[in-house]
Amino acid sequence: TEAGTLEDMHLLELASMGQDSEFERVLLGLADDGIRIMAMEDAFGLRTEVRFSNVERNPELEDGLFRFEPPQNVDVVGDERTPGQQ
């Protein structure tokens, strides 16, 4: 739903419709050049806010530029790789 405006952004509020959602609601701050803010609130009222700046759409990137290697004894939430997959 439309949640008003902030500075030069239109605010859009997304509410969870499911019981098993990780977030109760998500607030998006949209400007002419794209998303500027994404704020997520969980069932405990904890809020995570991400601000975007200097965004480039679809830049050319080398395949080996990003590599994530979690430390030992760490669970990666949402890791859906099959065993043996890198």
N, C-alpha and C. Protein backbone atom coordinates (compact mmCIF):
# COMPACT_ATOMS: atom_id res chain seq x y z
N THR A 1 0.83 -1.18 0.00
CA THR A 1 0.00 0.00 0.00
C THR A 1 0.88 1.25 0.00
N GLU A 2 0.34 2.32 -0.53
CA GLU A 2 1.06 3.60 -0.53
C GLU A 2 1.18 4.08 0.91
N ALA A 3 2.40 4.42 1.33
CA ALA A 3 2.63 4.82 2.72
C ALA A 3 3.07 6.28 2.83
N GLY A 4 2.92 7.06 1.76
CA GLY A 4 3.27 8.48 1.82
C GLY A 4 4.55 8.77 1.07
N THR A 5 5.18 9.88 1.44
CA THR A 5 6.43 10.30 0.80
C THR A 5 7.45 10.68 1.86
N LEU A 6 8.71 10.60 1.49
CA LEU A 6 9.81 11.01 2.35
C LEU A 6 10.88 11.60 1.43
N GLU A 7 11.22 12.86 1.67
CA GLU A 7 12.15 13.56 0.79
C GLU A 7 11.63 13.45 -0.64
N ASP A 8 12.40 12.89 -1.56
CA ASP A 8 11.94 12.76 -2.95
C ASP A 8 11.50 11.34 -3.29
N MET A 9 11.13 10.57 -2.26
CA MET A 9 10.76 9.17 -2.46
C MET A 9 9.28 8.94 -2.17
N HIS A 10 8.72 8.01 -2.92
CA HIS A 10 7.39 7.48 -2.61
C HIS A 10 7.62 6.25 -1.74
N LEU A 11 6.87 6.13 -0.67
CA LEU A 11 7.01 4.99 0.22
C LEU A 11 5.93 3.96 -0.08
N LEU A 12 6.33 2.71 -0.16
CA LEU A 12 5.42 1.61 -0.43
C LEU A 12 5.59 0.60 0.69
N GLU A 13 4.50 0.25 1.37
CA GLU A 13 4.55 -0.71 2.47
C GLU A 13 4.00 -2.04 2.01
N LEU A 14 4.78 -3.09 2.22
CA LEU A 14 4.38 -4.45 1.89
C LEU A 14 4.15 -5.19 3.20
N ALA A 15 3.00 -5.81 3.35
CA ALA A 15 2.67 -6.53 4.59
C ALA A 15 2.61 -8.02 4.32
N SER A 16 3.07 -8.81 5.27
CA SER A 16 3.04 -10.26 5.15
C SER A 16 1.61 -10.77 5.23
N MET A 17 1.29 -11.72 4.37
CA MET A 17 -0.04 -12.32 4.40
C MET A 17 0.04 -13.77 4.89
N GLY A 18 1.24 -14.26 5.15
CA GLY A 18 1.42 -15.64 5.58
C GLY A 18 1.87 -15.72 7.02
N GLN A 19 1.61 -16.86 7.63
CA GLN A 19 2.00 -17.08 9.03
C GLN A 19 3.50 -17.36 9.17
N ASP A 20 4.12 -17.91 8.13
CA ASP A 20 5.51 -18.34 8.24
C ASP A 20 6.51 -17.37 7.61
N SER A 21 6.11 -16.14 7.41
CA SER A 21 6.99 -15.14 6.81
C SER A 21 8.07 -14.72 7.81
N GLU A 22 9.27 -14.46 7.31
CA GLU A 22 10.35 -13.99 8.18
C GLU A 22 10.14 -12.54 8.59
N PHE A 23 9.40 -11.77 7.79
CA PHE A 23 9.20 -10.36 8.08
C PHE A 23 7.72 -10.03 8.15
N GLU A 24 7.37 -9.17 9.10
CA GLU A 24 5.99 -8.71 9.24
C GLU A 24 5.65 -7.71 8.14
N ARG A 25 6.62 -6.85 7.85
CA ARG A 25 6.39 -5.85 6.80
C ARG A 25 7.71 -5.39 6.22
N VAL A 26 7.63 -4.87 5.01
CA VAL A 26 8.78 -4.32 4.31
C VAL A 26 8.36 -2.95 3.78
N LEU A 27 9.21 -1.97 3.97
CA LEU A 27 8.95 -0.62 3.48
C LEU A 27 9.99 -0.31 2.40
N LEU A 28 9.51 0.10 1.22
CA LEU A 28 10.40 0.46 0.12
C LEU A 28 10.31 1.95 -0.12
N GLY A 29 11.46 2.60 -0.27
CA GLY A 29 11.52 4.00 -0.65
C GLY A 29 11.93 4.08 -2.11
N LEU A 30 11.00 4.51 -2.97
CA LEU A 30 11.22 4.52 -4.42
C LEU A 30 11.37 5.94 -4.94
N ALA A 31 12.41 6.16 -5.74
CA ALA A 31 12.63 7.46 -6.38
C ALA A 31 12.65 7.24 -7.89
N ASP A 32 12.79 8.31 -8.64
CA ASP A 32 12.81 8.19 -10.10
C ASP A 32 13.91 7.27 -10.60
N ASP A 33 15.03 7.22 -9.87
CA ASP A 33 16.16 6.40 -10.31
C ASP A 33 16.17 5.00 -9.69
N GLY A 34 15.11 4.60 -8.99
CA GLY A 34 15.02 3.24 -8.45
C GLY A 34 14.80 3.21 -6.95
N ILE A 35 15.09 2.05 -6.36
CA ILE A 35 14.91 1.87 -4.92
C ILE A 35 16.04 2.58 -4.18
N ARG A 36 15.70 3.37 -3.17
CA ARG A 36 16.71 4.06 -2.35
C ARG A 36 16.82 3.43 -0.97
N ILE A 37 15.68 2.99 -0.41
CA ILE A 37 15.67 2.42 0.94
C ILE A 37 14.80 1.17 0.95
N MET A 38 15.26 0.16 1.69
CA MET A 38 14.44 -1.01 1.96
C MET A 38 14.56 -1.28 3.46
N ALA A 39 13.44 -1.21 4.17
CA ALA A 39 13.43 -1.45 5.61
C ALA A 39 12.54 -2.65 5.88
N MET A 40 13.06 -3.62 6.64
CA MET A 40 12.32 -4.85 6.95
C MET A 40 12.12 -4.95 8.45
N GLU A 41 10.92 -5.30 8.87
CA GLU A 41 10.60 -5.43 10.29
C GLU A 41 10.11 -6.85 10.55
N ASP A 42 10.73 -7.51 11.55
CA ASP A 42 10.34 -8.89 11.84
C ASP A 42 9.26 -8.95 12.92
N ALA A 43 8.87 -10.16 13.30
CA ALA A 43 7.78 -10.37 14.26
C ALA A 43 8.13 -9.83 15.65
N PHE A 44 9.41 -9.64 15.94
CA PHE A 44 9.83 -9.12 17.24
C PHE A 44 9.95 -7.59 17.24
N GLY A 45 9.66 -6.97 16.11
CA GLY A 45 9.77 -5.52 16.00
C GLY A 45 11.17 -5.04 15.66
N LEU A 46 12.08 -5.98 15.38
CA LEU A 46 13.44 -5.59 15.01
C LEU A 46 13.44 -5.11 13.56
N ARG A 47 14.14 -4.04 13.31
CA ARG A 47 14.13 -3.40 11.98
C ARG A 47 15.52 -3.45 11.37
N THR A 48 15.58 -3.86 10.14
CA THR A 48 16.81 -3.83 9.35
C THR A 48 16.58 -2.87 8.20
N GLU A 49 17.48 -1.91 8.04
CA GLU A 49 17.32 -0.92 6.99
C GLU A 49 18.54 -0.94 6.08
N VAL A 50 18.28 -0.99 4.78
CA VAL A 50 19.33 -0.97 3.77
C VAL A 50 19.11 0.26 2.90
N ARG A 51 20.17 1.08 2.75
CA ARG A 51 20.09 2.27 1.90
C ARG A 51 20.96 2.04 0.68
N PHE A 52 20.42 2.38 -0.48
CA PHE A 52 21.13 2.18 -1.74
C PHE A 52 21.58 3.53 -2.29
N SER A 53 22.83 3.59 -2.77
CA SER A 53 23.34 4.81 -3.40
C SER A 53 24.33 4.40 -4.49
N ASN A 54 24.53 5.28 -5.44
CA ASN A 54 25.46 5.03 -6.55
C ASN A 54 25.18 3.70 -7.24
N VAL A 55 23.92 3.39 -7.44
CA VAL A 55 23.52 2.12 -8.03
C VAL A 55 23.77 2.14 -9.54
N GLU A 56 24.39 1.08 -10.03
CA GLU A 56 24.59 0.88 -11.47
C GLU A 56 23.82 -0.36 -11.86
N ARG A 57 22.98 -0.25 -12.87
CA ARG A 57 22.20 -1.41 -13.32
C ARG A 57 23.00 -2.23 -14.33
N ASN A 58 23.06 -3.52 -14.06
CA ASN A 58 23.66 -4.50 -14.98
C ASN A 58 25.06 -4.15 -15.47
N PRO A 59 25.98 -3.79 -14.56
CA PRO A 59 27.35 -3.53 -15.03
C PRO A 59 28.02 -4.85 -15.43
N GLU A 60 29.02 -4.77 -16.28
CA GLU A 60 29.79 -5.95 -16.66
C GLU A 60 30.71 -6.31 -15.50
N LEU A 61 30.60 -7.54 -15.00
CA LEU A 61 31.42 -8.01 -13.89
C LEU A 61 32.08 -9.33 -14.25
N GLU A 62 33.31 -9.51 -13.82
CA GLU A 62 34.01 -10.77 -14.05
C GLU A 62 33.39 -11.86 -13.19
N ASP A 63 33.33 -13.09 -13.70
CA ASP A 63 32.72 -14.20 -12.98
C ASP A 63 33.37 -14.45 -11.62
N GLY A 64 34.68 -14.29 -11.52
CA GLY A 64 35.39 -14.59 -10.28
C GLY A 64 35.47 -13.44 -9.30
N LEU A 65 34.75 -12.35 -9.55
CA LEU A 65 34.86 -11.16 -8.71
C LEU A 65 34.36 -11.41 -7.29
N PHE A 66 33.29 -12.17 -7.15
CA PHE A 66 32.71 -12.43 -5.83
C PHE A 66 32.83 -13.90 -5.49
N ARG A 67 33.31 -14.17 -4.30
CA ARG A 67 33.39 -15.55 -3.81
C ARG A 67 33.14 -15.50 -2.32
N PHE A 68 32.16 -16.27 -1.88
CA PHE A 68 31.80 -16.29 -0.46
C PHE A 68 32.24 -17.62 0.13
N GLU A 69 33.09 -17.55 1.15
CA GLU A 69 33.52 -18.74 1.86
C GLU A 69 33.23 -18.53 3.33
N PRO A 70 32.15 -19.14 3.84
CA PRO A 70 31.80 -18.95 5.25
C PRO A 70 32.85 -19.59 6.16
N PRO A 71 33.07 -19.00 7.33
CA PRO A 71 33.99 -19.59 8.29
C PRO A 71 33.50 -20.97 8.73
N GLN A 72 34.42 -21.77 9.26
CA GLN A 72 34.03 -23.09 9.77
C GLN A 72 33.03 -22.94 10.91
N ASN A 73 32.17 -23.95 11.05
CA ASN A 73 31.17 -24.02 12.13
C ASN A 73 30.14 -22.89 12.06
N VAL A 74 29.85 -22.42 10.85
CA VAL A 74 28.85 -21.37 10.66
C VAL A 74 27.74 -21.92 9.77
N ASP A 75 26.50 -21.71 10.19
CA ASP A 75 25.35 -22.09 9.36
C ASP A 75 25.02 -20.93 8.44
N VAL A 76 24.82 -21.23 7.18
CA VAL A 76 24.43 -20.22 6.22
C VAL A 76 22.92 -20.34 6.01
N VAL A 77 22.19 -19.33 6.42
CA VAL A 77 20.74 -19.34 6.32
C VAL A 77 20.34 -19.21 4.86
N GLY A 78 19.45 -20.09 4.42
CA GLY A 78 18.98 -20.03 3.04
C GLY A 78 19.93 -20.64 2.04
N ASP A 79 20.95 -21.37 2.51
CA ASP A 79 21.91 -22.02 1.62
C ASP A 79 21.22 -23.23 1.00
N GLU A 80 20.92 -23.15 -0.29
CA GLU A 80 20.17 -24.22 -0.94
C GLU A 80 21.01 -24.97 -1.96
N ARG A 81 22.31 -24.95 -1.78
CA ARG A 81 23.18 -25.70 -2.68
C ARG A 81 23.03 -27.19 -2.39
N THR A 82 23.23 -27.99 -3.41
CA THR A 82 23.23 -29.43 -3.21
C THR A 82 24.60 -29.85 -2.71
N PRO A 83 24.70 -30.98 -1.99
CA PRO A 83 26.01 -31.42 -1.48
C PRO A 83 27.03 -31.53 -2.60
N GLY A 84 28.22 -31.03 -2.37
CA GLY A 84 29.29 -31.08 -3.34
C GLY A 84 29.31 -29.91 -4.31
N GLN A 85 28.27 -29.09 -4.29
CA GLN A 85 28.20 -27.93 -5.19
C GLN A 85 28.97 -26.78 -4.57
N GLN A 86 29.72 -26.05 -5.36
CA GLN A 86 30.49 -24.90 -4.87
C GLN A 86 29.72 -23.64 -5.03
